[in-house]
Amino acid sequence: MAMTLATAAAIKESNEAISASIDQVHTVCESLFALLLEQVKEGKEVTLNNVLKFKRTLNKARVFRRPNSDEVVQKPERYSLSVKVLIATKLVFEQLVVVPEPVVVKPSRRKAVGNKPVLMENVLELEA
């Protein structure tokens, strides 16, 4: 199949446009998550259009023992990021239909002749 010079140029331009748009999406996502984390660090709760909810939670100080050495370890109080999937997102995934993967049966390479398993190549030689 021959391709004209104009067609090749058009394909090259479309590939460059796609690459540029992917870079723009990447930049927007980086900016969005930087802003999101900044807001959460300040203690604000951020919700993304009924999809996800981000908030800062406080984990209290606690004491526990290591099971191997019975050493007492104290963990200080700290903040962590909590991400909650909202019900609207869960409902979208509940409506998806699960299609099972087709079962592929691999043919056996061995065929029993009498009590001995024999390779299929040898069976073909025996039949000839």
Protein backbone atom coordinates (compact mmCIF):
# COMPACT_ATOMS: atom_id res chain seq x y z
CA MET A 1 0.00 0.00 0.00
CA ALA A 2 1.56 3.27 -1.09
CA MET A 3 1.25 6.35 1.08
CA THR A 4 1.33 9.82 -0.37
CA LEU A 5 3.54 12.51 1.06
CA ALA A 6 0.48 14.53 2.11
CA THR A 7 -0.96 11.56 4.02
CA ALA A 8 2.34 10.98 5.82
CA ALA A 9 2.51 14.67 6.77
CA ALA A 10 -1.08 14.59 8.07
CA ILE A 11 -0.34 11.52 10.20
CA LYS A 12 2.80 13.16 11.59
CA GLU A 13 0.83 16.33 12.52
CA SER A 14 -1.92 14.32 14.23
CA ASN A 15 0.67 12.34 16.23
CA GLU A 16 2.35 15.57 17.33
CA ALA A 17 -1.05 17.03 18.33
CA ILE A 18 -1.87 13.92 20.37
CA SER A 19 1.52 14.07 22.06
CA ALA A 20 1.03 17.77 22.88
CA SER A 21 -2.46 17.15 24.28
CA ILE A 22 -1.18 14.28 26.46
CA ASP A 23 1.49 16.62 27.84
CA GLN A 24 -1.19 19.24 28.57
CA VAL A 25 -3.35 16.66 30.38
CA HIS A 26 -0.32 15.57 32.41
CA THR A 27 0.39 19.18 33.40
CA VAL A 28 -3.24 19.78 34.40
CA CYS A 29 -3.32 16.61 36.52
CA GLU A 30 -0.08 17.52 38.29
CA SER A 31 -1.45 20.99 39.07
CA LEU A 32 -4.78 19.55 40.26
CA PHE A 33 -3.20 17.10 42.67
CA ALA A 34 -0.69 19.67 43.97
CA LEU A 35 -3.61 22.00 44.76
CA LEU A 36 -5.63 19.14 46.23
CA LEU A 37 -2.79 18.08 48.58
CA GLU A 38 -2.17 21.69 49.60
CA GLN A 39 -5.84 22.08 50.61
CA VAL A 40 -5.86 18.78 52.51
CA LYS A 41 -2.64 19.70 54.38
CA GLU A 42 -4.43 22.83 55.63
CA GLY A 43 -7.18 20.59 57.04
CA LYS A 44 -9.84 21.20 54.41
CA GLU A 45 -11.98 18.42 52.98
CA VAL A 46 -11.84 18.20 49.16
CA THR A 47 -14.48 16.41 47.06
CA LEU A 48 -14.05 15.64 43.36
CA ASN A 49 -17.48 15.74 41.69
CA ASN A 50 -19.16 12.96 43.67
CA VAL A 51 -16.29 10.59 42.85
CA LEU A 52 -13.70 10.84 45.63
CA LYS A 53 -13.39 12.66 48.93
CA PHE A 54 -9.99 13.55 50.40
CA LYS A 55 -9.46 14.63 53.99
CA ARG A 56 -6.81 14.76 56.68
CA THR A 57 -7.33 12.42 59.63
CA LEU A 58 -5.55 12.33 62.96
CA ASN A 59 -4.16 9.00 64.13
CA LYS A 60 -3.83 9.00 67.92
CA ALA A 61 -0.65 8.00 69.69
CA ARG A 62 -0.56 4.34 70.63
CA VAL A 63 1.62 1.74 72.31
CA PHE A 64 2.11 -1.78 71.03
CA ARG A 65 4.43 -4.73 71.59
CA ARG A 66 6.55 -6.50 69.02
CA PRO A 67 5.53 -10.16 69.06
CA ASN A 68 9.05 -11.56 68.65
CA SER A 69 10.86 -9.58 71.34
CA ASP A 70 8.02 -8.21 73.54
CA GLU A 71 9.63 -4.80 73.08
CA VAL A 72 7.28 -1.91 73.84
CA VAL A 73 7.03 0.54 70.94
CA GLN A 74 5.36 3.93 71.13
CA LYS A 75 3.96 5.40 67.96
CA PRO A 76 3.40 9.17 68.11
CA GLU A 77 0.24 10.92 67.01
CA ARG A 78 0.31 11.80 63.31
CA TYR A 79 -1.83 12.93 60.39
CA SER A 80 -2.69 10.71 57.44
CA LEU A 81 -4.56 11.11 54.17
CA SER A 82 -8.00 9.53 53.98
CA VAL A 83 -9.51 8.86 50.56
CA LYS A 84 -13.15 7.79 50.34
CA VAL A 85 -14.86 6.49 47.21
CA LEU A 86 -18.32 8.03 47.08
CA ILE A 87 -21.53 6.12 46.38
CA ALA A 88 -21.98 7.62 42.88
CA THR A 89 -18.73 5.97 41.80
CA LYS A 90 -19.64 2.68 43.43
CA LEU A 91 -23.00 2.64 41.63
CA VAL A 92 -21.28 3.03 38.25
CA PHE A 93 -19.15 -0.04 38.94
CA GLU A 94 -22.10 -2.06 40.26
CA GLN A 95 -23.86 -1.60 36.91
CA LEU A 96 -20.95 -3.09 34.95
CA VAL A 97 -21.55 -6.57 33.62
CA VAL A 98 -18.77 -9.01 34.37
CA VAL A 99 -17.92 -11.13 31.36
CA PRO A 100 -15.99 -14.24 32.34
CA GLU A 101 -12.77 -14.99 30.51
CA PRO A 102 -13.15 -17.85 28.03
CA VAL A 103 -11.62 -21.08 29.26
CA VAL A 104 -8.86 -22.26 26.98
CA VAL A 105 -8.22 -25.99 27.13
CA LYS A 106 -4.67 -26.83 26.21
CA PRO A 107 -4.30 -30.06 24.30
CA SER A 108 -2.30 -32.73 26.03
CA ARG A 109 1.09 -33.48 24.53
CA ARG A 110 0.93 -37.06 25.72
CA LYS A 111 -1.36 -39.88 24.72
CA ALA A 112 -1.60 -43.08 26.69
CA VAL A 113 -0.91 -46.25 24.72
CA GLY A 114 -1.54 -49.23 26.93
CA ASN A 115 -0.15 -48.30 30.34
CA LYS A 116 2.68 -46.12 29.00
CA PRO A 117 2.29 -42.45 28.12
CA VAL A 118 3.75 -41.78 24.68
CA LEU A 119 4.55 -38.46 23.00
CA MET A 120 2.14 -37.47 20.21
CA GLU A 121 4.98 -37.37 17.69
CA ASN A 122 5.70 -41.04 18.42
CA VAL A 123 2.00 -41.93 18.01
CA LEU A 124 2.02 -40.39 14.53
CA GLU A 125 5.08 -42.49 13.64
CA LEU A 126 3.36 -45.65 14.97
CA GLU A 127 0.20 -45.00 12.92
CA ALA A 128 2.17 -44.50 9.68
